[in-house]
Amino acid sequence: MRCLLVVLGIASSLGVSVPAHADPNVDASFVDALNRAGITFTDSKSAVNAGKTACDLMDQGKSQLDVVQ
């Protein structure tokens, strides 16, 4: 849940483009979760990439606060 909340916050504010090995089912579920949470974005691919970047940073030990800054 912690990761999802941080990811949702980041996805709403970032438009980063990083290479990722996408799983279309997981990516579609993530985009659906963003929409259901009322988070708007213009490009779903960028939102998914931002979410993956946030998770990667937290996996590397970055704090939630560091990730959102």
N, C-alpha and C. Protein backbone atom coordinates (compact mmCIF):
# COMPACT_ATOMS: atom_id res chain seq x y z
N MET A 1 0.83 -1.20 0.00
CA MET A 1 0.00 0.00 0.00
C MET A 1 0.86 1.25 0.00
N ARG A 2 1.95 1.21 0.78
CA ARG A 2 2.85 2.35 0.86
C ARG A 2 3.39 2.69 -0.52
N CYS A 3 3.83 1.67 -1.23
CA CYS A 3 4.39 1.88 -2.56
C CYS A 3 3.33 2.46 -3.50
N LEU A 4 2.12 1.95 -3.43
CA LEU A 4 1.06 2.43 -4.31
C LEU A 4 0.77 3.89 -4.07
N LEU A 5 0.71 4.32 -2.81
CA LEU A 5 0.43 5.71 -2.51
C LEU A 5 1.52 6.63 -3.03
N VAL A 6 2.76 6.24 -2.84
CA VAL A 6 3.86 7.05 -3.34
C VAL A 6 3.84 7.08 -4.85
N VAL A 7 3.60 5.93 -5.46
CA VAL A 7 3.56 5.84 -6.91
C VAL A 7 2.44 6.70 -7.47
N LEU A 8 1.29 6.65 -6.83
CA LEU A 8 0.17 7.47 -7.29
C LEU A 8 0.52 8.95 -7.25
N GLY A 9 1.17 9.35 -6.19
CA GLY A 9 1.57 10.75 -6.08
C GLY A 9 2.58 11.15 -7.14
N ILE A 10 3.52 10.28 -7.37
CA ILE A 10 4.54 10.58 -8.37
C ILE A 10 3.96 10.57 -9.76
N ALA A 11 3.14 9.58 -10.04
CA ALA A 11 2.58 9.47 -11.39
C ALA A 11 1.75 10.69 -11.75
N SER A 12 1.18 11.32 -10.75
CA SER A 12 0.37 12.49 -11.05
C SER A 12 1.20 13.73 -11.33
N SER A 13 2.49 13.68 -10.96
CA SER A 13 3.29 14.89 -11.13
C SER A 13 4.50 14.73 -12.05
N LEU A 14 4.82 13.53 -12.44
CA LEU A 14 6.00 13.32 -13.27
C LEU A 14 5.64 12.91 -14.68
N GLY A 15 6.50 13.19 -15.57
CA GLY A 15 6.34 12.74 -16.95
C GLY A 15 7.66 12.17 -17.45
N VAL A 16 8.26 11.32 -16.64
CA VAL A 16 9.56 10.77 -17.03
C VAL A 16 9.37 9.63 -18.00
N SER A 17 10.37 9.45 -18.81
CA SER A 17 10.34 8.36 -19.77
C SER A 17 11.59 7.53 -19.60
N VAL A 18 11.41 6.35 -19.00
CA VAL A 18 12.54 5.44 -18.81
C VAL A 18 12.19 4.11 -19.43
N PRO A 19 13.19 3.42 -19.96
CA PRO A 19 12.90 2.11 -20.54
C PRO A 19 12.42 1.16 -19.46
N ALA A 20 11.45 0.37 -19.78
CA ALA A 20 10.92 -0.60 -18.84
C ALA A 20 10.42 -1.81 -19.61
N HIS A 21 10.51 -2.94 -18.95
CA HIS A 21 9.97 -4.16 -19.54
C HIS A 21 8.53 -4.25 -19.07
N ALA A 22 7.62 -3.88 -19.92
CA ALA A 22 6.23 -3.72 -19.53
C ALA A 22 5.46 -5.03 -19.57
N ASP A 23 4.65 -5.22 -18.58
CA ASP A 23 3.66 -6.29 -18.57
C ASP A 23 2.33 -5.59 -18.81
N PRO A 24 1.74 -5.77 -19.97
CA PRO A 24 0.52 -5.02 -20.31
C PRO A 24 -0.60 -5.18 -19.29
N ASN A 25 -0.73 -6.35 -18.68
CA ASN A 25 -1.80 -6.56 -17.71
C ASN A 25 -1.56 -5.76 -16.44
N VAL A 26 -0.34 -5.77 -15.95
CA VAL A 26 -0.01 -5.02 -14.74
C VAL A 26 -0.10 -3.53 -15.03
N ASP A 27 0.42 -3.10 -16.17
CA ASP A 27 0.37 -1.69 -16.53
C ASP A 27 -1.08 -1.20 -16.65
N ALA A 28 -1.93 -1.98 -17.27
CA ALA A 28 -3.34 -1.61 -17.41
C ALA A 28 -4.02 -1.53 -16.05
N SER A 29 -3.68 -2.44 -15.15
CA SER A 29 -4.24 -2.41 -13.80
C SER A 29 -3.79 -1.16 -13.05
N PHE A 30 -2.53 -0.80 -13.23
CA PHE A 30 -2.01 0.39 -12.58
C PHE A 30 -2.71 1.65 -13.09
N VAL A 31 -2.85 1.76 -14.40
CA VAL A 31 -3.54 2.91 -14.99
C VAL A 31 -4.99 2.96 -14.51
N ASP A 32 -5.64 1.80 -14.43
CA ASP A 32 -7.02 1.75 -13.93
C ASP A 32 -7.08 2.21 -12.48
N ALA A 33 -6.11 1.81 -11.66
CA ALA A 33 -6.08 2.23 -10.25
C ALA A 33 -5.89 3.74 -10.14
N LEU A 34 -5.05 4.31 -11.00
CA LEU A 34 -4.88 5.76 -11.00
C LEU A 34 -6.20 6.46 -11.34
N ASN A 35 -6.87 5.96 -12.36
CA ASN A 35 -8.15 6.56 -12.77
C ASN A 35 -9.19 6.45 -11.66
N ARG A 36 -9.27 5.29 -11.02
CA ARG A 36 -10.25 5.11 -9.93
C ARG A 36 -9.94 6.00 -8.74
N ALA A 37 -8.65 6.32 -8.54
CA ALA A 37 -8.25 7.19 -7.44
C ALA A 37 -8.45 8.67 -7.78
N GLY A 38 -8.87 8.94 -9.01
CA GLY A 38 -9.11 10.32 -9.42
C GLY A 38 -7.85 11.06 -9.83
N ILE A 39 -6.79 10.32 -10.07
CA ILE A 39 -5.53 10.94 -10.49
C ILE A 39 -5.54 11.06 -12.01
N THR A 40 -5.35 12.28 -12.48
CA THR A 40 -5.40 12.51 -13.92
C THR A 40 -3.99 12.64 -14.48
N PHE A 41 -3.86 12.27 -15.73
CA PHE A 41 -2.58 12.35 -16.44
C PHE A 41 -2.90 12.38 -17.92
N THR A 42 -1.95 12.87 -18.69
CA THR A 42 -2.20 12.98 -20.12
C THR A 42 -1.66 11.80 -20.91
N ASP A 43 -0.70 11.10 -20.35
CA ASP A 43 -0.06 10.01 -21.07
C ASP A 43 0.10 8.81 -20.15
N SER A 44 -0.64 7.75 -20.40
CA SER A 44 -0.60 6.58 -19.51
C SER A 44 0.77 5.92 -19.52
N LYS A 45 1.47 5.96 -20.63
CA LYS A 45 2.81 5.36 -20.69
C LYS A 45 3.77 6.08 -19.74
N SER A 46 3.69 7.39 -19.70
CA SER A 46 4.53 8.17 -18.78
C SER A 46 4.15 7.91 -17.33
N ALA A 47 2.85 7.77 -17.06
CA ALA A 47 2.40 7.48 -15.70
C ALA A 47 2.94 6.13 -15.23
N VAL A 48 2.89 5.13 -16.10
CA VAL A 48 3.40 3.80 -15.76
C VAL A 48 4.91 3.87 -15.53
N ASN A 49 5.62 4.58 -16.39
CA ASN A 49 7.07 4.71 -16.22
C ASN A 49 7.43 5.42 -14.93
N ALA A 50 6.66 6.45 -14.57
CA ALA A 50 6.90 7.16 -13.32
C ALA A 50 6.68 6.23 -12.13
N GLY A 51 5.64 5.42 -12.20
CA GLY A 51 5.37 4.46 -11.13
C GLY A 51 6.49 3.46 -10.98
N LYS A 52 6.98 2.95 -12.09
CA LYS A 52 8.08 1.97 -12.05
C LYS A 52 9.36 2.61 -11.51
N THR A 53 9.58 3.86 -11.89
CA THR A 53 10.75 4.57 -11.38
C THR A 53 10.66 4.74 -9.87
N ALA A 54 9.48 5.11 -9.38
CA ALA A 54 9.29 5.28 -7.94
C ALA A 54 9.55 3.98 -7.20
N CYS A 55 9.03 2.89 -7.71
CA CYS A 55 9.24 1.60 -7.05
C CYS A 55 10.71 1.20 -7.08
N ASP A 56 11.38 1.45 -8.20
CA ASP A 56 12.81 1.14 -8.29
C ASP A 56 13.61 1.93 -7.26
N LEU A 57 13.28 3.21 -7.11
CA LEU A 57 13.98 4.05 -6.14
C LEU A 57 13.75 3.55 -4.71
N MET A 58 12.52 3.17 -4.39
CA MET A 58 12.24 2.65 -3.05
C MET A 58 12.92 1.29 -2.83
N ASP A 59 12.99 0.48 -3.88
CA ASP A 59 13.70 -0.79 -3.78
C ASP A 59 15.19 -0.58 -3.50
N GLN A 60 15.71 0.56 -3.95
CA GLN A 60 17.12 0.90 -3.72
C GLN A 60 17.35 1.51 -2.34
N GLY A 61 16.27 1.65 -1.57
CA GLY A 61 16.39 2.15 -0.21
C GLY A 61 16.05 3.61 -0.02
N LYS A 62 15.63 4.29 -1.08
CA LYS A 62 15.24 5.69 -0.94
C LYS A 62 13.95 5.76 -0.11
N SER A 63 13.85 6.82 0.69
CA SER A 63 12.64 7.01 1.49
C SER A 63 11.52 7.55 0.60
N GLN A 64 10.31 7.42 1.08
CA GLN A 64 9.16 7.94 0.33
C GLN A 64 9.33 9.44 0.08
N LEU A 65 9.80 10.15 1.10
CA LEU A 65 9.98 11.59 0.96
C LEU A 65 11.03 11.91 -0.10
N ASP A 66 12.13 11.15 -0.11
CA ASP A 66 13.15 11.38 -1.13
C ASP A 66 12.61 11.11 -2.52
N VAL A 67 11.77 10.10 -2.66
CA VAL A 67 11.23 9.74 -3.96
C VAL A 67 10.30 10.82 -4.50
N VAL A 68 9.47 11.38 -3.66
CA VAL A 68 8.51 12.38 -4.15
C VAL A 68 9.14 13.75 -4.35
N GLN A 69 10.31 13.97 -3.79
CA GLN A 69 10.98 15.27 -3.98
C GLN A 69 11.72 15.17 -5.25
